[in-house]
Amino acid sequence: MARIEFDVDTTLPPEKVKAMLLDFSDRRPDTWPGLGRDQYKVYSIGETSAEIREGNKRPNVWARERYDWSRPGIVRWEVIESNFSAPGSFLEAHLNPKEGGG
């Protein structure tokens, strides 16, 4: 399996980024405008995990994913099923504060 790694810098504090990643409310497609409302579905939300389907219209891609935030400072989402990605594929966000904030 290929490994791709990159950094994203933001002025937002890690807690805000984590809150945005884990907002599984009806507002999620507003926070993440690339998500299509018709592709967004919440299956379950627990204390440190959630099962979600999300995708977009163009191109028509979707994935059912299991989000896990049980490890401090890390949010991981792993593909359960998808029309474009292999089951077991995953993304991890390592949320670290920058010197001076953000």
Foldseek 3Di string as FASTA:
>chain_A
DDDDDDDDDDQAALVVVVCLVPPLDLCNCVSVVQWDSVQWDWDDDDPFKTWIKTHHVVVGKIFTWIWGDPDPQKIKIFGPDIPPDDGGDMDMGRGDADVVHD
